[in-house]
């Protein structure tokens, strides 16, 4: 079934009349990721209503052309699509579930896309409640960081029905370069925590290797270039080097400001460890990365996660 046929088959009179119509979108959560994602939707010609607790964040979107609402329900008024980017599962539950939750007011046929990174079970709980009300729900966490959000080059990892994915794909393609359908509800979250567990392992390992070389007198850029052309090559060396001044326009060369905060990496690693524990899967390297980031987060939670480099040389954090 095509996205157009899906829209026509539901009972929501507010659904787009044809595949070319741009649906009205409610965007809830305008943090470091959500705000630039919403701005890219506005640039693409979508009509947006937005909500966030931060007046500064909503003012930014209002200046870009969005309508500012005073609650999630007010933002969703006259919207055919709701997109949320929230900090944690408890916030997603609060926005969508219960008597005061958004799902109780949304018309049948509304498409809900939650791009928060939360536990797969939390995503499935919201999805089950939405499905019972005739609402299409997708868990669609992202990879690519704030740079990807600004550039519109995010990777979306989507869990949900094929029909809902077809409806969402052109919208997600406005904000991202890669859009994957990982499987049914919760699959997007599982794939995301697998990715971020590996990312945490790679960043900690890359920092450790660079530190070993530097302490032996090697230039960090020369060593990074060598590893880039050798079997240690990985994403952190390619685009996100953790050592200051090796690479331009990355957080490590800006006092570890911006990017993906350490406390968010710690949250994602904890989600991965909880999932592994629940299904009795051994993840020794993931567990070690979680341990390292847990200790690092105590004093550096708001710094970019590449600041794990400072675990090996504290002078880099000053």
Protein backbone atom coordinates (compact mmCIF):
# COMPACT_ATOMS: atom_id res chain seq x y z
CA UNK A 1 0.00 0.00 0.00
CA UNK A 2 1.40 3.43 -0.94
CA UNK A 3 1.65 6.41 1.39
CA UNK A 4 -1.17 8.09 -0.54
CA UNK A 5 -3.41 5.03 -0.27
CA UNK A 6 -2.66 4.80 3.44
CA UNK A 7 -3.71 8.40 3.96
CA UNK A 8 -6.94 7.83 2.00
CA UNK A 9 -7.79 4.63 3.85
CA UNK A 10 -8.00 6.17 7.33
CA UNK A 11 -10.97 8.02 8.76
CA UNK A 12 -9.19 11.29 9.49
CA UNK A 13 -10.71 14.06 7.40
CA UNK A 14 -7.60 16.15 8.00
CA UNK A 15 -5.33 13.76 6.07
CA UNK A 16 -3.70 15.13 2.92
CA UNK A 17 -5.97 14.92 -0.09
CA UNK A 18 -3.17 13.65 -2.33
CA UNK A 19 0.41 12.56 -2.18
CA UNK A 20 1.68 16.02 -3.16
CA UNK A 21 0.05 17.88 -0.26
CA UNK A 22 2.34 18.79 2.62
CA UNK A 23 0.74 17.86 5.94
CA UNK A 24 0.62 20.27 8.86
CA UNK A 25 3.18 19.16 11.44
CA UNK A 26 3.33 19.59 15.21
CA UNK A 27 6.89 19.47 16.54
CA UNK A 28 7.38 18.87 20.26
CA UNK A 29 10.84 19.26 21.80
CA UNK A 30 13.19 21.94 20.51
CA UNK A 31 16.52 21.10 22.09
CA UNK A 32 19.91 20.95 20.39
CA UNK A 33 18.58 18.33 17.96
CA UNK A 34 14.90 19.21 17.71
CA UNK A 35 15.27 22.90 16.88
CA UNK A 36 17.41 22.47 13.72
CA UNK A 37 15.27 19.50 12.63
CA UNK A 38 12.17 21.70 12.87
CA UNK A 39 13.93 24.51 11.01
CA UNK A 40 14.70 22.18 8.11
CA UNK A 41 11.03 21.25 7.89
CA UNK A 42 10.14 24.94 7.69
CA UNK A 43 12.73 25.48 4.96
CA UNK A 44 11.12 22.64 3.00
CA UNK A 45 7.76 24.39 3.08
CA UNK A 46 5.96 22.50 5.85
CA UNK A 47 3.56 24.37 8.13
CA UNK A 48 4.74 23.88 11.70
CA UNK A 49 3.28 24.34 15.16
CA UNK A 50 5.87 23.92 17.90
CA UNK A 51 6.03 23.41 21.64
CA UNK A 52 8.89 23.43 24.12
CA UNK A 53 9.29 24.42 27.76
CA UNK A 54 12.05 26.85 26.74
CA UNK A 55 10.79 30.26 25.64
CA UNK A 56 14.14 30.90 23.96
CA UNK A 57 13.75 27.76 21.85
CA UNK A 58 10.20 28.56 20.77
CA UNK A 59 11.14 32.16 19.95
CA UNK A 60 13.86 30.86 17.65
CA UNK A 61 11.32 28.77 15.74
CA UNK A 62 8.74 31.53 15.71
CA UNK A 63 11.27 33.79 14.02
CA UNK A 64 11.84 31.03 11.45
CA UNK A 65 8.11 30.93 10.65
CA UNK A 66 6.54 28.42 13.05
CA UNK A 67 3.41 28.90 15.14
CA UNK A 68 4.17 28.63 18.86
CA UNK A 69 1.73 26.68 21.04
CA UNK A 70 1.40 26.68 24.84
CA UNK A 71 0.98 22.89 25.16
CA UNK A 72 1.58 19.71 23.14
CA UNK A 73 -2.17 19.40 22.56
CA UNK A 74 -2.39 22.97 21.27
CA UNK A 75 0.55 22.31 18.96
CA UNK A 76 -1.18 19.22 17.56
CA UNK A 77 -4.41 21.08 16.77
CA UNK A 78 -4.99 20.79 12.99
CA UNK A 79 -1.83 18.72 12.53
CA UNK A 80 -1.82 15.51 10.51
CA UNK A 81 1.68 14.61 11.74
CA UNK A 82 3.24 14.91 15.19
CA UNK A 83 7.02 14.71 15.63
CA UNK A 84 8.68 14.63 19.04
CA UNK A 85 12.31 14.84 20.13
CA UNK A 86 12.40 14.42 23.90
CA UNK A 87 15.15 13.67 26.46
CA UNK A 88 14.00 10.33 27.88
CA UNK A 89 11.27 7.71 28.08
CA UNK A 90 9.53 9.39 31.01
CA UNK A 91 9.04 12.52 28.92
CA UNK A 92 7.64 10.50 26.00
CA UNK A 93 5.20 8.78 28.38
CA UNK A 94 4.16 12.13 29.83
CA UNK A 95 3.49 13.70 26.44
CA UNK A 96 1.57 10.83 24.87
CA UNK A 97 -0.02 8.60 27.52
CA UNK A 98 -2.72 8.86 30.17
CA UNK A 99 -5.87 10.96 30.37
CA UNK A 100 -3.87 14.13 29.78
CA UNK A 101 -1.64 12.59 27.11
CA UNK A 102 -1.64 13.64 23.51
CA UNK A 103 -2.91 10.32 22.14
CA UNK A 104 -6.29 10.82 23.81
CA UNK A 105 -6.91 13.90 21.64
CA UNK A 106 -5.38 12.93 18.31
CA UNK A 107 -7.78 11.93 15.52
CA UNK A 108 -7.65 8.48 14.01
CA UNK A 109 -5.12 8.35 11.20
CA UNK A 110 -2.69 10.85 12.72
CA UNK A 111 0.95 9.93 12.10
CA UNK A 112 3.18 10.16 15.19
CA UNK A 113 6.95 10.06 14.78
CA UNK A 114 8.96 9.94 18.00
CA UNK A 115 12.65 10.62 17.37
CA UNK A 116 13.67 10.42 21.02
CA UNK A 117 16.15 7.74 22.05
CA UNK A 118 14.31 5.65 24.65
CA UNK A 119 14.00 2.03 25.71
CA UNK A 120 12.46 -0.23 23.08
CA UNK A 121 9.84 -1.35 25.60
CA UNK A 122 8.83 2.26 26.20
CA UNK A 123 8.43 2.78 22.47
CA UNK A 124 6.33 -0.38 22.18
CA UNK A 125 4.10 0.74 25.07
CA UNK A 126 3.30 4.03 23.35
CA UNK A 127 2.92 2.28 20.00
CA UNK A 128 0.41 -0.22 21.44
CA UNK A 129 -1.67 2.58 22.93
CA UNK A 130 -1.57 4.51 19.65
CA UNK A 131 -2.52 1.48 17.55
CA UNK A 132 -5.60 0.82 19.68
CA UNK A 133 -6.74 4.36 18.87
CA UNK A 134 -6.10 4.04 15.14
CA UNK A 135 -3.02 6.25 15.28
CA UNK A 136 0.13 5.37 13.29
CA UNK A 137 3.16 5.45 15.57
CA UNK A 138 6.82 5.19 14.60
CA UNK A 139 9.89 5.13 16.81
CA UNK A 140 12.49 6.95 14.72
CA UNK A 141 15.65 7.77 16.70
CA UNK A 142 18.45 9.51 14.86
CA UNK A 143 22.20 9.33 14.41
CA UNK A 144 24.40 12.17 13.20
CA UNK A 145 24.54 14.63 16.09
CA UNK A 146 23.80 18.32 16.09
CA UNK A 147 25.89 18.83 12.96
CA UNK A 148 23.72 16.35 11.10
CA UNK A 149 20.56 17.96 12.46
CA UNK A 150 21.67 21.38 11.22
CA UNK A 151 22.81 20.08 7.82
CA UNK A 152 19.74 17.89 7.33
CA UNK A 153 21.97 14.85 6.97
CA UNK A 154 20.74 12.74 9.89
CA UNK A 155 20.24 9.00 9.75
CA UNK A 156 16.75 7.95 10.84
CA UNK A 157 16.35 4.42 12.21
CA UNK A 158 12.65 3.62 12.12
CA UNK A 159 10.48 1.03 13.79
CA UNK A 160 6.82 0.55 12.88
CA UNK A 161 4.50 -0.64 10.15
CA UNK A 162 5.46 -0.54 6.49
CA UNK A 163 2.44 1.68 5.74
CA UNK A 164 3.33 4.24 8.42
CA UNK A 165 6.95 4.22 7.28
CA UNK A 166 5.86 5.01 3.72
CA UNK A 167 3.89 8.02 4.99
CA UNK A 168 6.80 9.24 7.09
CA UNK A 169 9.66 8.68 4.66
CA UNK A 170 9.35 11.91 2.61
CA UNK A 171 9.11 13.94 5.81
CA UNK A 172 12.13 12.27 7.36
CA UNK A 173 14.08 12.67 4.12
CA UNK A 174 13.71 16.44 4.57
CA UNK A 175 15.69 16.21 7.80
CA UNK A 176 18.01 13.33 6.98
CA UNK A 177 20.22 11.76 4.35
CA UNK A 178 19.57 8.13 5.27
CA UNK A 179 16.20 6.70 6.31
CA UNK A 180 16.12 3.03 7.34
CA UNK A 181 13.13 0.87 8.18
CA UNK A 182 14.58 -1.39 10.89
CA UNK A 183 11.43 -3.43 11.52
CA UNK A 184 8.35 -3.36 13.72
CA UNK A 185 7.70 -1.10 16.73
CA UNK A 186 10.77 -0.81 18.94
CA UNK A 187 13.18 -1.95 16.24
CA UNK A 188 14.38 1.59 15.64
CA UNK A 189 15.31 1.94 19.30
CA UNK A 190 17.12 -1.41 19.38
CA UNK A 191 19.18 -0.54 16.30
CA UNK A 192 19.97 2.89 17.76
CA UNK A 193 21.29 1.56 21.07
CA UNK A 194 23.40 -1.01 19.22
CA UNK A 195 24.89 1.79 17.13
CA UNK A 196 25.54 4.05 20.10
CA UNK A 197 27.02 1.27 22.18
CA UNK A 198 29.52 0.68 19.39
CA UNK A 199 30.13 4.43 19.08
CA UNK A 200 30.89 4.69 22.80
CA UNK A 201 33.31 1.77 22.53
CA UNK A 202 35.01 3.28 19.46
CA UNK A 203 35.37 6.74 21.00
CA UNK A 204 36.82 5.41 24.25
CA UNK A 205 39.18 3.10 22.35
CA UNK A 206 40.29 5.79 19.92
CA UNK A 207 41.04 8.19 22.78
CA UNK A 208 43.00 5.47 24.56
CA UNK A 209 45.08 4.69 21.47
CA UNK A 210 45.84 8.33 20.71
CA UNK A 211 46.85 8.92 24.31
CA UNK A 212 49.24 5.96 24.22
CA UNK A 213 50.91 7.39 21.13
CA UNK A 214 51.11 10.93 22.52
CA UNK A 215 52.64 9.71 25.78
CA UNK A 216 55.28 7.99 23.63
CA UNK A 217 56.08 11.28 21.92
CA UNK A 218 54.00 10.95 18.75
CA UNK A 219 52.19 13.90 17.23
CA UNK A 220 48.43 13.24 17.65
CA UNK A 221 47.62 14.36 14.11
CA UNK A 222 50.34 12.26 12.54
CA UNK A 223 49.22 9.24 14.56
CA UNK A 224 45.59 9.86 13.61
CA UNK A 225 46.53 10.06 9.94
CA UNK A 226 48.46 6.80 10.21
CA UNK A 227 45.54 5.00 11.84
CA UNK A 228 43.16 6.48 9.26
CA UNK A 229 45.10 4.70 6.55
CA UNK A 230 45.50 1.50 8.58
CA UNK A 231 43.33 -1.20 10.07
CA UNK A 232 42.35 0.95 13.07
CA UNK A 233 40.36 3.28 10.82
CA UNK A 234 36.93 4.18 12.24
CA UNK A 235 34.27 6.92 12.24
CA UNK A 236 35.76 8.84 15.15
CA UNK A 237 39.08 9.18 13.33
CA UNK A 238 37.34 10.09 10.09
CA UNK A 239 35.05 12.88 11.24
CA UNK A 240 35.14 13.35 15.05
CA UNK A 241 38.70 13.14 16.37
CA UNK A 242 38.72 13.43 20.19
CA UNK A 243 42.15 15.10 20.46
CA UNK A 244 42.10 18.94 20.36
CA UNK A 245 43.25 20.72 17.20
CA UNK A 246 43.73 17.56 15.16
CA UNK A 247 40.54 18.28 13.22
CA UNK A 248 38.66 21.51 12.58
CA UNK A 249 34.99 22.09 13.37
CA UNK A 250 34.64 19.31 15.92
CA UNK A 251 33.88 19.69 19.65
CA UNK A 252 37.37 18.60 20.75
CA UNK A 253 38.79 21.70 19.02
CA UNK A 254 36.17 23.91 20.69
CA UNK A 255 36.70 23.02 24.34
CA UNK A 256 34.47 19.99 23.90
CA UNK A 257 31.44 22.27 23.50
CA UNK A 258 28.47 21.39 21.32
CA UNK A 259 27.94 18.02 19.71
CA UNK A 260 26.54 15.08 21.69
CA UNK A 261 26.71 15.54 25.45
CA UNK A 262 28.48 12.94 27.58
CA UNK A 263 25.40 12.48 29.77
CA UNK A 264 23.37 11.56 26.70
CA UNK A 265 25.94 8.99 25.64
CA UNK A 266 25.79 7.62 29.17
CA UNK A 267 21.99 7.43 28.92
CA UNK A 268 22.20 5.49 25.66
CA UNK A 269 24.82 3.11 27.02
CA UNK A 270 22.62 2.45 30.04
CA UNK A 271 19.72 1.66 27.69
CA UNK A 272 21.92 -0.81 25.84
CA UNK A 273 23.06 -2.47 29.08
CA UNK A 274 19.47 -2.71 30.38
CA UNK A 275 18.35 -4.32 27.13
CA UNK A 276 21.28 -6.75 27.18
CA UNK A 277 20.49 -7.69 30.76
CA UNK A 278 16.80 -8.22 29.97
CA UNK A 279 17.51 -10.65 27.15
CA UNK A 280 20.64 -12.15 28.77
CA UNK A 281 23.17 -11.10 26.12
CA UNK A 282 26.84 -10.71 27.06
CA UNK A 283 28.30 -7.26 26.23
CA UNK A 284 31.68 -6.99 28.01
CA UNK A 285 33.04 -4.16 25.88
CA UNK A 286 29.76 -2.27 26.11
CA UNK A 287 29.84 -2.73 29.87
CA UNK A 288 33.38 -1.32 30.06
CA UNK A 289 32.44 1.69 27.93
CA UNK A 290 29.43 2.27 30.18
CA UNK A 291 31.69 2.16 33.24
CA UNK A 292 34.11 4.67 31.69
CA UNK A 293 31.37 7.09 30.68
CA UNK A 294 29.59 6.77 34.02
CA UNK A 295 32.72 7.96 35.82
CA UNK A 296 33.40 10.65 33.22
CA UNK A 297 29.85 12.02 33.36
CA UNK A 298 30.15 13.01 37.01
CA UNK A 299 32.21 16.12 36.20
CA UNK A 300 31.82 16.36 32.41
CA UNK A 301 28.20 15.48 31.68
CA UNK A 302 27.54 18.61 29.64
CA UNK A 303 30.72 18.32 27.57
CA UNK A 304 30.73 16.47 24.26
CA UNK A 305 31.21 12.72 24.59
CA UNK A 306 34.59 12.95 22.83
CA UNK A 307 35.80 14.61 26.03
CA UNK A 308 36.41 11.05 27.28
CA UNK A 309 39.89 11.93 25.93
CA UNK A 310 40.29 13.87 29.18
CA UNK A 311 40.12 10.66 31.17
CA UNK A 312 43.63 9.96 29.87
CA UNK A 313 44.92 13.55 30.03
CA UNK A 314 42.97 15.85 32.35
CA UNK A 315 44.86 18.90 31.09
CA UNK A 316 42.83 18.67 27.88
CA UNK A 317 39.66 19.52 29.80
CA UNK A 318 40.97 22.74 31.32
